[in-house]
Amino acid sequence: LYRMDYRKMLKTHIENNADLTVSVMPVPWEEASRFGIMAVDENDMI
């Protein structure tokens, strides 16, 4: 359940010339083990 303008995500993907862009958000630490978890650099590269 969410509202998202996918055009903004697609625009970011194109600007980065990415192979893959993953939509992310922080979750409570106690729930983190239920999700795919990642680290990113200063440019948001995974």
All heavy atoms as atom14 arrays in JSON, in Angstrom:
{
  "sequence": "LYRMDYRKMLKTHIENNADLTVSVMPVPWEEASRFGIMAVDENDMI",
  "atom14_mask": [
    [1, 1, 1, 1, 1, 1, 1, 1, 0, 0, 0, 0, 0, 0],
    [1, 1, 1, 1, 1, 1, 1, 1, 1, 1, 1, 1, 0, 0],
    [1, 1, 1, 1, 1, 1, 1, 1, 1, 1, 1, 0, 0, 0],
    [1, 1, 1, 1, 1, 1, 1, 1, 0, 0, 0, 0, 0, 0],
    [1, 1, 1, 1, 1, 1, 1, 1, 0, 0, 0, 0, 0, 0],
    [1, 1, 1, 1, 1, 1, 1, 1, 1, 1, 1, 1, 0, 0],
    [1, 1, 1, 1, 1, 1, 1, 1, 1, 1, 1, 0, 0, 0],
    [1, 1, 1, 1, 1, 1, 1, 1, 1, 0, 0, 0, 0, 0],
    [1, 1, 1, 1, 1, 1, 1, 1, 0, 0, 0, 0, 0, 0],
    [1, 1, 1, 1, 1, 1, 1, 1, 0, 0, 0, 0, 0, 0],
    [1, 1, 1, 1, 1, 1, 1, 1, 1, 0, 0, 0, 0, 0],
    [1, 1, 1, 1, 1, 1, 1, 0, 0, 0, 0, 0, 0, 0],
    [1, 1, 1, 1, 1, 1, 1, 1, 1, 1, 0, 0, 0, 0],
    [1, 1, 1, 1, 1, 1, 1, 1, 0, 0, 0, 0, 0, 0],
    [1, 1, 1, 1, 1, 1, 1, 1, 1, 0, 0, 0, 0, 0],
    [1, 1, 1, 1, 1, 1, 1, 1, 0, 0, 0, 0, 0, 0],
    [1, 1, 1, 1, 1, 1, 1, 1, 0, 0, 0, 0, 0, 0],
    [1, 1, 1, 1, 1, 0, 0, 0, 0, 0, 0, 0, 0, 0],
    [1, 1, 1, 1, 1, 1, 1, 1, 0, 0, 0, 0, 0, 0],
    [1, 1, 1, 1, 1, 1, 1, 1, 0, 0, 0, 0, 0, 0],
    [1, 1, 1, 1, 1, 1, 1, 0, 0, 0, 0, 0, 0, 0],
    [1, 1, 1, 1, 1, 1, 1, 0, 0, 0, 0, 0, 0, 0],
    [1, 1, 1, 1, 1, 1, 0, 0, 0, 0, 0, 0, 0, 0],
    [1, 1, 1, 1, 1, 1, 1, 0, 0, 0, 0, 0, 0, 0],
    [1, 1, 1, 1, 1, 1, 1, 1, 0, 0, 0, 0, 0, 0],
    [1, 1, 1, 1, 1, 1, 1, 0, 0, 0, 0, 0, 0, 0],
    [1, 1, 1, 1, 1, 1, 1, 0, 0, 0, 0, 0, 0, 0],
    [1, 1, 1, 1, 1, 1, 1, 0, 0, 0, 0, 0, 0, 0],
    [1, 1, 1, 1, 1, 1, 1, 1, 1, 1, 1, 1, 1, 1],
    [1, 1, 1, 1, 1, 1, 1, 1, 1, 0, 0, 0, 0, 0],
    [1, 1, 1, 1, 1, 1, 1, 1, 1, 0, 0, 0, 0, 0],
    [1, 1, 1, 1, 1, 0, 0, 0, 0, 0, 0, 0, 0, 0],
    [1, 1, 1, 1, 1, 1, 0, 0, 0, 0, 0, 0, 0, 0],
    [1, 1, 1, 1, 1, 1, 1, 1, 1, 1, 1, 0, 0, 0],
    [1, 1, 1, 1, 1, 1, 1, 1, 1, 1, 1, 0, 0, 0],
    [1, 1, 1, 1, 0, 0, 0, 0, 0, 0, 0, 0, 0, 0],
    [1, 1, 1, 1, 1, 1, 1, 1, 0, 0, 0, 0, 0, 0],
    [1, 1, 1, 1, 1, 1, 1, 1, 0, 0, 0, 0, 0, 0],
    [1, 1, 1, 1, 1, 0, 0, 0, 0, 0, 0, 0, 0, 0],
    [1, 1, 1, 1, 1, 1, 1, 0, 0, 0, 0, 0, 0, 0],
    [1, 1, 1, 1, 1, 1, 1, 1, 0, 0, 0, 0, 0, 0],
    [1, 1, 1, 1, 1, 1, 1, 1, 1, 0, 0, 0, 0, 0],
    [1, 1, 1, 1, 1, 1, 1, 1, 0, 0, 0, 0, 0, 0],
    [1, 1, 1, 1, 1, 1, 1, 1, 0, 0, 0, 0, 0, 0],
    [1, 1, 1, 1, 1, 1, 1, 1, 0, 0, 0, 0, 0, 0],
    [1, 1, 1, 1, 1, 1, 1, 1, 0, 0, 0, 0, 0, 0]
  ],
  "atom14_positions": [
    [[0.85, -1.19, 0.0], [0.0, 0.0, 0.0], [0.88, 1.24, 0.0], [1.65, 1.47, 0.95], [-0.9, 0.02, 1.23], [-1.78, -1.21, 1.47], [-2.6, -1.01, 2.74], [-2.7, -1.47, 0.29], [0.0, 0.0, 0.0], [0.0, 0.0, 0.0], [0.0, 0.0, 0.0], [0.0, 0.0, 0.0], [0.0, 0.0, 0.0], [0.0, 0.0, 0.0]],
    [[0.79, 2.05, -1.05], [1.6, 3.26, -1.14], [1.16, 4.05, -2.37], [0.48, 3.53, -3.25], [3.09, 2.91, -1.27], [3.44, 2.16, -2.54], [4.09, 2.79, -3.59], [3.1, 0.81, -2.69], [4.4, 2.1, -4.77], [3.4, 0.12, -3.85], [4.05, 0.76, -4.88], [4.35, 0.09, -6.04], [0.0, 0.0, 0.0], [0.0, 0.0, 0.0]],
    [[1.55, 5.31, -2.41], [1.39, 6.14, -3.59], [2.78, 6.51, -4.08], [3.59, 7.02, -3.32], [0.66, 7.44, -3.25], [-0.85, 7.33, -3.1], [-1.38, 8.75, -2.97], [-2.83, 8.81, -3.0], [-3.59, 8.85, -1.92], [-3.02, 8.8, -0.73], [-4.9, 8.92, -2.03], [0.0, 0.0, 0.0], [0.0, 0.0, 0.0], [0.0, 0.0, 0.0]],
    [[3.06, 6.27, -5.36], [4.37, 6.61, -5.9], [4.24, 7.03, -7.36], [3.55, 6.36, -8.14], [5.35, 5.44, -5.79], [6.73, 5.76, -6.38], [7.87, 4.35, -6.42], [8.28, 4.22, -4.69], [0.0, 0.0, 0.0], [0.0, 0.0, 0.0], [0.0, 0.0, 0.0], [0.0, 0.0, 0.0], [0.0, 0.0, 0.0], [0.0, 0.0, 0.0]],
    [[4.93, 8.1, -7.7], [5.04, 8.51, -9.1], [6.25, 7.79, -9.69], [7.39, 8.18, -9.46], [5.21, 10.03, -9.2], [5.12, 10.54, -10.63], [5.26, 9.72, -11.56], [4.92, 11.75, -10.82], [0.0, 0.0, 0.0], [0.0, 0.0, 0.0], [0.0, 0.0, 0.0], [0.0, 0.0, 0.0], [0.0, 0.0, 0.0], [0.0, 0.0, 0.0]],
    [[5.99, 6.74, -10.43], [7.08, 5.94, -10.99], [7.91, 6.73, -12.0], [9.05, 6.35, -12.28], [6.52, 4.68, -11.65], [5.76, 3.77, -10.73], [4.55, 3.2, -11.13], [6.24, 3.43, -9.47], [3.84, 2.34, -10.31], [5.54, 2.58, -8.64], [4.34, 2.03, -9.06], [3.64, 1.18, -8.23], [0.0, 0.0, 0.0], [0.0, 0.0, 0.0]],
    [[7.36, 7.81, -12.54], [8.13, 8.62, -13.5], [9.37, 9.21, -12.84], [10.41, 9.35, -13.5], [7.24, 9.73, -14.06], [6.13, 9.24, -14.99], [5.16, 10.32, -15.34], [4.43, 10.8, -14.15], [3.31, 11.5, -14.19], [2.79, 11.84, -15.36], [2.7, 11.88, -13.09], [0.0, 0.0, 0.0], [0.0, 0.0, 0.0], [0.0, 0.0, 0.0]],
    [[9.27, 9.57, -11.57], [10.43, 10.15, -10.88], [11.52, 9.1, -10.7], [12.71, 9.39, -10.86], [9.99, 10.71, -9.53], [9.03, 11.89, -9.63], [8.64, 12.39, -8.24], [7.68, 13.57, -8.34], [7.27, 14.06, -7.0], [0.0, 0.0, 0.0], [0.0, 0.0, 0.0], [0.0, 0.0, 0.0], [0.0, 0.0, 0.0], [0.0, 0.0, 0.0]],
    [[11.12, 7.89, -10.36], [12.09, 6.81, -10.22], [12.74, 6.48, -11.56], [13.96, 6.28, -11.65], [11.4, 5.58, -9.64], [12.33, 4.41, -9.35], [11.44, 3.04, -8.58], [12.75, 1.81, -8.47], [0.0, 0.0, 0.0], [0.0, 0.0, 0.0], [0.0, 0.0, 0.0], [0.0, 0.0, 0.0], [0.0, 0.0, 0.0], [0.0, 0.0, 0.0]],
    [[11.94, 6.44, -12.62], [12.47, 6.17, -13.95], [13.43, 7.27, -14.39], [14.49, 6.98, -14.98], [11.32, 6.05, -14.95], [11.7, 5.77, -16.41], [12.46, 4.46, -16.53], [10.44, 5.73, -17.28], [0.0, 0.0, 0.0], [0.0, 0.0, 0.0], [0.0, 0.0, 0.0], [0.0, 0.0, 0.0], [0.0, 0.0, 0.0], [0.0, 0.0, 0.0]],
    [[13.11, 8.51, -14.07], [13.99, 9.63, -14.42], [15.35, 9.48, -13.74], [16.41, 9.69, -14.37], [13.34, 10.95, -14.0], [14.12, 12.22, -14.34], [13.3, 13.45, -14.0], [14.06, 14.73, -14.38], [15.18, 15.0, -13.46], [0.0, 0.0, 0.0], [0.0, 0.0, 0.0], [0.0, 0.0, 0.0], [0.0, 0.0, 0.0], [0.0, 0.0, 0.0]],
    [[15.34, 9.1, -12.47], [16.59, 8.87, -11.74], [17.39, 7.74, -12.38], [18.62, 7.84, -12.53], [16.28, 8.54, -10.27], [15.62, 9.64, -9.66], [17.56, 8.23, -9.49], [0.0, 0.0, 0.0], [0.0, 0.0, 0.0], [0.0, 0.0, 0.0], [0.0, 0.0, 0.0], [0.0, 0.0, 0.0], [0.0, 0.0, 0.0], [0.0, 0.0, 0.0]],
    [[16.71, 6.68, -12.75], [17.36, 5.54, -13.4], [18.05, 5.97, -14.69], [19.22, 5.6, -14.94], [16.3, 4.46, -13.69], [16.83, 3.24, -14.36], [17.37, 2.18, -13.67], [16.91, 2.91, -15.68], [17.75, 1.25, -14.51], [17.47, 1.65, -15.75], [0.0, 0.0, 0.0], [0.0, 0.0, 0.0], [0.0, 0.0, 0.0], [0.0, 0.0, 0.0]],
    [[17.37, 6.75, -15.5], [17.92, 7.18, -16.79], [19.11, 8.13, -16.57], [20.15, 8.01, -17.24], [16.83, 7.85, -17.63], [15.76, 6.82, -18.02], [17.42, 8.49, -18.88], [14.52, 7.41, -18.65], [0.0, 0.0, 0.0], [0.0, 0.0, 0.0], [0.0, 0.0, 0.0], [0.0, 0.0, 0.0], [0.0, 0.0, 0.0], [0.0, 0.0, 0.0]],
    [[18.97, 9.06, -15.64], [20.05, 10.02, -15.38], [21.31, 9.32, -14.89], [22.43, 9.77, -15.19], [19.58, 11.05, -14.35], [18.55, 12.03, -14.89], [18.01, 12.95, -13.82], [18.24, 12.67, -12.61], [17.34, 13.94, -14.17], [0.0, 0.0, 0.0], [0.0, 0.0, 0.0], [0.0, 0.0, 0.0], [0.0, 0.0, 0.0], [0.0, 0.0, 0.0]],
    [[21.15, 8.24, -14.15], [22.32, 7.49, -13.64], [22.85, 6.49, -14.65], [23.87, 5.83, -14.38], [21.94, 6.75, -12.35], [21.76, 7.67, -11.17], [22.41, 8.72, -11.08], [20.88, 7.3, -10.25], [0.0, 0.0, 0.0], [0.0, 0.0, 0.0], [0.0, 0.0, 0.0], [0.0, 0.0, 0.0], [0.0, 0.0, 0.0], [0.0, 0.0, 0.0]],
    [[22.16, 6.35, -15.78], [22.53, 5.33, -16.77], [22.68, 3.97, -16.08], [23.63, 3.22, -16.3], [23.84, 5.71, -17.47], [24.09, 4.88, -18.72], [23.14, 4.42, -19.37], [25.35, 4.67, -19.06], [0.0, 0.0, 0.0], [0.0, 0.0, 0.0], [0.0, 0.0, 0.0], [0.0, 0.0, 0.0], [0.0, 0.0, 0.0], [0.0, 0.0, 0.0]],
    [[21.69, 3.66, -15.26], [21.76, 2.47, -14.39], [21.29, 1.22, -15.11], [20.5, 1.27, -16.05], [20.92, 2.71, -13.14], [0.0, 0.0, 0.0], [0.0, 0.0, 0.0], [0.0, 0.0, 0.0], [0.0, 0.0, 0.0], [0.0, 0.0, 0.0], [0.0, 0.0, 0.0], [0.0, 0.0, 0.0], [0.0, 0.0, 0.0], [0.0, 0.0, 0.0]],
    [[21.79, 0.09, -14.65], [21.25, -1.2, -15.06], [20.04, -1.57, -14.22], [19.1, -2.21, -14.71], [22.32, -2.29, -14.91], [23.52, -2.06, -15.83], [23.32, -2.06, -17.05], [24.63, -1.89, -15.3], [0.0, 0.0, 0.0], [0.0, 0.0, 0.0], [0.0, 0.0, 0.0], [0.0, 0.0, 0.0], [0.0, 0.0, 0.0], [0.0, 0.0, 0.0]],
    [[20.07, -1.17, -12.95], [18.98, -1.46, -12.03], [18.87, -0.33, -11.01], [19.88, 0.15, -10.5], [19.24, -2.78, -11.29], [18.37, -3.08, -10.07], [16.91, -3.23, -10.47], [18.86, -4.33, -9.34], [0.0, 0.0, 0.0], [0.0, 0.0, 0.0], [0.0, 0.0, 0.0], [0.0, 0.0, 0.0], [0.0, 0.0, 0.0], [0.0, 0.0, 0.0]],
    [[17.63, 0.08, -10.75], [17.35, 1.02, -9.67], [16.34, 0.37, -8.74], [15.33, -0.18, -9.18], [16.81, 2.35, -10.21], [17.77, 2.93, -11.09], [16.51, 3.32, -9.08], [0.0, 0.0, 0.0], [0.0, 0.0, 0.0], [0.0, 0.0, 0.0], [0.0, 0.0, 0.0], [0.0, 0.0, 0.0], [0.0, 0.0, 0.0], [0.0, 0.0, 0.0]],
    [[16.64, 0.44, -7.44], [15.79, -0.18, -6.41], [15.2, 0.91, -5.54], [15.93, 1.74, -5.0], [16.6, -1.16, -5.54], [15.7, -1.83, -4.5], [17.3, -2.21, -6.4], [0.0, 0.0, 0.0], [0.0, 0.0, 0.0], [0.0, 0.0, 0.0], [0.0, 0.0, 0.0], [0.0, 0.0, 0.0], [0.0, 0.0, 0.0], [0.0, 0.0, 0.0]],
    [[13.89, 0.91, -5.39], [13.26, 1.88, -4.49], [13.48, 1.43, -3.05], [13.25, 0.26, -2.71], [11.76, 1.98, -4.79], [11.18, 2.99, -4.0], [0.0, 0.0, 0.0], [0.0, 0.0, 0.0], [0.0, 0.0, 0.0], [0.0, 0.0, 0.0], [0.0, 0.0, 0.0], [0.0, 0.0, 0.0], [0.0, 0.0, 0.0], [0.0, 0.0, 0.0]],
    [[13.9, 2.38, -2.2], [14.27, 2.03, -0.83], [13.69, 3.03, 0.16], [13.36, 4.17, -0.19], [15.81, 1.99, -0.65], [16.44, 1.0, -1.61], [16.42, 3.37, -0.85], [0.0, 0.0, 0.0], [0.0, 0.0, 0.0], [0.0, 0.0, 0.0], [0.0, 0.0, 0.0], [0.0, 0.0, 0.0], [0.0, 0.0, 0.0], [0.0, 0.0, 0.0]],
    [[13.6, 2.58, 1.39], [13.26, 3.47, 2.49], [13.74, 2.83, 3.79], [13.86, 1.6, 3.88], [11.76, 3.76, 2.54], [10.88, 2.61, 2.9], [9.11, 3.06, 2.84], [9.06, 4.48, 3.95], [0.0, 0.0, 0.0], [0.0, 0.0, 0.0], [0.0, 0.0, 0.0], [0.0, 0.0, 0.0], [0.0, 0.0, 0.0], [0.0, 0.0, 0.0]],
    [[14.03, 3.63, 4.8], [14.44, 3.06, 6.09], [13.26, 2.4, 6.79], [12.12, 2.87, 6.71], [14.95, 4.27, 6.87], [14.28, 5.45, 6.25], [14.08, 5.11, 4.81], [0.0, 0.0, 0.0], [0.0, 0.0, 0.0], [0.0, 0.0, 0.0], [0.0, 0.0, 0.0], [0.0, 0.0, 0.0], [0.0, 0.0, 0.0], [0.0, 0.0, 0.0]],
    [[13.53, 1.28, 7.45], [12.52, 0.59, 8.24], [13.02, 0.48, 9.67], [14.23, 0.63, 9.93], [12.23, -0.82, 7.66], [11.67, -0.72, 6.25], [13.48, -1.69, 7.68], [0.0, 0.0, 0.0], [0.0, 0.0, 0.0], [0.0, 0.0, 0.0], [0.0, 0.0, 0.0], [0.0, 0.0, 0.0], [0.0, 0.0, 0.0], [0.0, 0.0, 0.0]],
    [[12.14, 0.24, 10.64], [12.61, 0.04, 12.02], [13.63, -1.1, 12.08], [13.47, -2.12, 11.41], [11.32, -0.3, 12.77], [10.23, 0.33, 11.97], [10.67, 0.22, 10.54], [0.0, 0.0, 0.0], [0.0, 0.0, 0.0], [0.0, 0.0, 0.0], [0.0, 0.0, 0.0], [0.0, 0.0, 0.0], [0.0, 0.0, 0.0], [0.0, 0.0, 0.0]],
    [[14.65, -0.91, 12.9], [15.71, -1.91, 12.98], [15.18, -3.29, 13.34], [15.66, -4.31, 12.84], [16.76, -1.47, 14.0], [17.78, -0.52, 13.43], [17.76, 0.84, 13.49], [18.94, -0.87, 12.69], [18.85, 1.37, 12.83], [19.6, 0.34, 12.34], [19.5, -2.07, 12.28], [20.78, 0.36, 11.61], [20.7, -2.05, 11.55], [21.32, -0.85, 11.23]],
    [[14.15, -3.34, 14.19], [13.64, -4.64, 14.62], [12.92, -5.37, 13.48], [12.67, -6.57, 13.58], [12.7, -4.48, 15.81], [11.46, -3.64, 15.57], [11.67, -2.15, 15.86], [12.84, -1.72, 15.89], [10.65, -1.45, 16.03], [0.0, 0.0, 0.0], [0.0, 0.0, 0.0], [0.0, 0.0, 0.0], [0.0, 0.0, 0.0], [0.0, 0.0, 0.0]],
    [[12.6, -4.66, 12.4], [11.93, -5.29, 11.26], [12.87, -5.5, 10.06], [12.47, -6.1, 9.06], [10.75, -4.41, 10.79], [9.65, -4.26, 11.83], [8.5, -3.42, 11.32], [8.43, -3.19, 10.09], [7.67, -2.99, 12.14], [0.0, 0.0, 0.0], [0.0, 0.0, 0.0], [0.0, 0.0, 0.0], [0.0, 0.0, 0.0], [0.0, 0.0, 0.0]],
    [[14.11, -5.04, 10.18], [15.01, -5.05, 9.03], [15.27, -6.45, 8.48], [15.47, -6.62, 7.27], [16.33, -4.37, 9.39], [0.0, 0.0, 0.0], [0.0, 0.0, 0.0], [0.0, 0.0, 0.0], [0.0, 0.0, 0.0], [0.0, 0.0, 0.0], [0.0, 0.0, 0.0], [0.0, 0.0, 0.0], [0.0, 0.0, 0.0], [0.0, 0.0, 0.0]],
    [[15.24, -7.46, 9.32], [15.54, -8.81, 8.86], [14.45, -9.39, 7.98], [14.62, -10.46, 7.4], [15.79, -9.74, 10.06], [14.65, -9.78, 10.9], [0.0, 0.0, 0.0], [0.0, 0.0, 0.0], [0.0, 0.0, 0.0], [0.0, 0.0, 0.0], [0.0, 0.0, 0.0], [0.0, 0.0, 0.0], [0.0, 0.0, 0.0], [0.0, 0.0, 0.0]],
    [[13.31, -8.69, 7.84], [12.22, -9.15, 6.97], [12.41, -8.69, 5.53], [11.66, -9.1, 4.64], [10.88, -8.63, 7.47], [10.41, -9.19, 8.79], [9.09, -8.55, 9.22], [8.15, -8.53, 8.1], [7.33, -7.52, 7.83], [7.37, -6.43, 8.58], [6.5, -7.58, 6.82], [0.0, 0.0, 0.0], [0.0, 0.0, 0.0], [0.0, 0.0, 0.0]],
    [[13.42, -7.83, 5.27], [13.55, -7.17, 3.98], [14.92, -7.44, 3.35], [15.85, -7.9, 4.01], [13.37, -5.65, 4.13], [12.02, -5.24, 4.65], [11.8, -5.08, 6.01], [10.96, -5.03, 3.78], [10.56, -4.7, 6.49], [9.72, -4.65, 4.25], [9.51, -4.48, 5.6], [0.0, 0.0, 0.0], [0.0, 0.0, 0.0], [0.0, 0.0, 0.0]],
    [[15.01, -7.1, 2.06], [16.31, -7.0, 1.43], [16.97, -5.71, 1.9], [16.39, -4.63, 1.78], [0.0, 0.0, 0.0], [0.0, 0.0, 0.0], [0.0, 0.0, 0.0], [0.0, 0.0, 0.0], [0.0, 0.0, 0.0], [0.0, 0.0, 0.0], [0.0, 0.0, 0.0], [0.0, 0.0, 0.0], [0.0, 0.0, 0.0], [0.0, 0.0, 0.0]],
    [[18.16, -5.84, 2.47], [18.83, -4.7, 3.09], [20.09, -4.35, 2.31], [20.83, -5.24, 1.86], [19.19, -5.03, 4.56], [17.9, -5.26, 5.37], [20.02, -3.91, 5.19], [17.0, -4.05, 5.48], [0.0, 0.0, 0.0], [0.0, 0.0, 0.0], [0.0, 0.0, 0.0], [0.0, 0.0, 0.0], [0.0, 0.0, 0.0], [0.0, 0.0, 0.0]],
    [[20.36, -3.06, 2.15], [21.5, -2.65, 1.34], [22.27, -1.51, 1.98], [21.79, -0.83, 2.9], [21.05, -2.24, -0.06], [20.21, -0.98, -0.11], [19.25, -0.9, -1.64], [18.03, -2.17, -1.33], [0.0, 0.0, 0.0], [0.0, 0.0, 0.0], [0.0, 0.0, 0.0], [0.0, 0.0, 0.0], [0.0, 0.0, 0.0], [0.0, 0.0, 0.0]],
    [[23.49, -1.32, 1.45], [24.32, -0.16, 1.78], [24.58, 0.59, 0.48], [24.69, -0.03, -0.59], [25.63, -0.6, 2.43], [0.0, 0.0, 0.0], [0.0, 0.0, 0.0], [0.0, 0.0, 0.0], [0.0, 0.0, 0.0], [0.0, 0.0, 0.0], [0.0, 0.0, 0.0], [0.0, 0.0, 0.0], [0.0, 0.0, 0.0], [0.0, 0.0, 0.0]],
    [[24.68, 1.9, 0.58], [24.93, 2.73, -0.6], [26.07, 3.7, -0.31], [26.38, 4.0, 0.84], [23.66, 3.53, -1.01], [22.52, 2.57, -1.36], [23.22, 4.48, 0.1], [0.0, 0.0, 0.0], [0.0, 0.0, 0.0], [0.0, 0.0, 0.0], [0.0, 0.0, 0.0], [0.0, 0.0, 0.0], [0.0, 0.0, 0.0], [0.0, 0.0, 0.0]],
    [[26.71, 4.19, -1.4], [27.77, 5.17, -1.23], [27.17, 6.58, -1.29], [25.95, 6.76, -1.3], [28.88, 4.96, -2.26], [28.43, 5.21, -3.7], [27.34, 5.8, -3.9], [29.16, 4.82, -4.63], [0.0, 0.0, 0.0], [0.0, 0.0, 0.0], [0.0, 0.0, 0.0], [0.0, 0.0, 0.0], [0.0, 0.0, 0.0], [0.0, 0.0, 0.0]],
    [[28.06, 7.58, -1.36], [27.6, 8.97, -1.33], [26.79, 9.36, -2.56], [26.06, 10.36, -2.55], [28.8, 9.92, -1.18], [29.78, 9.9, -2.34], [30.8, 8.77, -2.26], [30.65, 7.91, -1.36], [31.76, 8.78, -3.07], [0.0, 0.0, 0.0], [0.0, 0.0, 0.0], [0.0, 0.0, 0.0], [0.0, 0.0, 0.0], [0.0, 0.0, 0.0]],
    [[26.87, 8.54, -3.61], [26.09, 8.81, -4.83], [24.86, 7.9, -4.95], [24.23, 7.84, -6.01], [26.98, 8.62, -6.06], [28.13, 9.62, -6.1], [27.94, 10.81, -5.87], [29.34, 9.11, -6.34], [0.0, 0.0, 0.0], [0.0, 0.0, 0.0], [0.0, 0.0, 0.0], [0.0, 0.0, 0.0], [0.0, 0.0, 0.0], [0.0, 0.0, 0.0]],
    [[24.55, 7.2, -3.88], [23.42, 6.26, -3.82], [23.63, 5.04, -4.7], [22.67, 4.32, -5.03], [22.1, 6.94, -4.18], [21.6, 7.84, -3.07], [21.84, 7.51, -1.9], [20.96, 8.87, -3.37], [0.0, 0.0, 0.0], [0.0, 0.0, 0.0], [0.0, 0.0, 0.0], [0.0, 0.0, 0.0], [0.0, 0.0, 0.0], [0.0, 0.0, 0.0]],
    [[24.88, 4.75, -5.07], [25.16, 3.49, -5.75], [25.16, 2.37, -4.71], [25.74, 2.51, -3.63], [26.5, 3.53, -6.48], [26.82, 2.23, -7.21], [28.33, 2.31, -8.21], [27.68, 3.11, -9.69], [0.0, 0.0, 0.0], [0.0, 0.0, 0.0], [0.0, 0.0, 0.0], [0.0, 0.0, 0.0], [0.0, 0.0, 0.0], [0.0, 0.0, 0.0]],
    [[24.51, 1.27, -5.04], [24.4, 0.16, -4.1], [25.74, -0.58, -4.03], [26.27, -1.03, -5.05], [23.28, -0.8, -4.53], [21.92, -0.08, -4.51], [23.23, -2.03, -3.61], [20.79, -0.88, -5.12], [0.0, 0.0, 0.0], [0.0, 0.0, 0.0], [0.0, 0.0, 0.0], [0.0, 0.0, 0.0], [0.0, 0.0, 0.0], [0.0, 0.0, 0.0]]
  ]
}
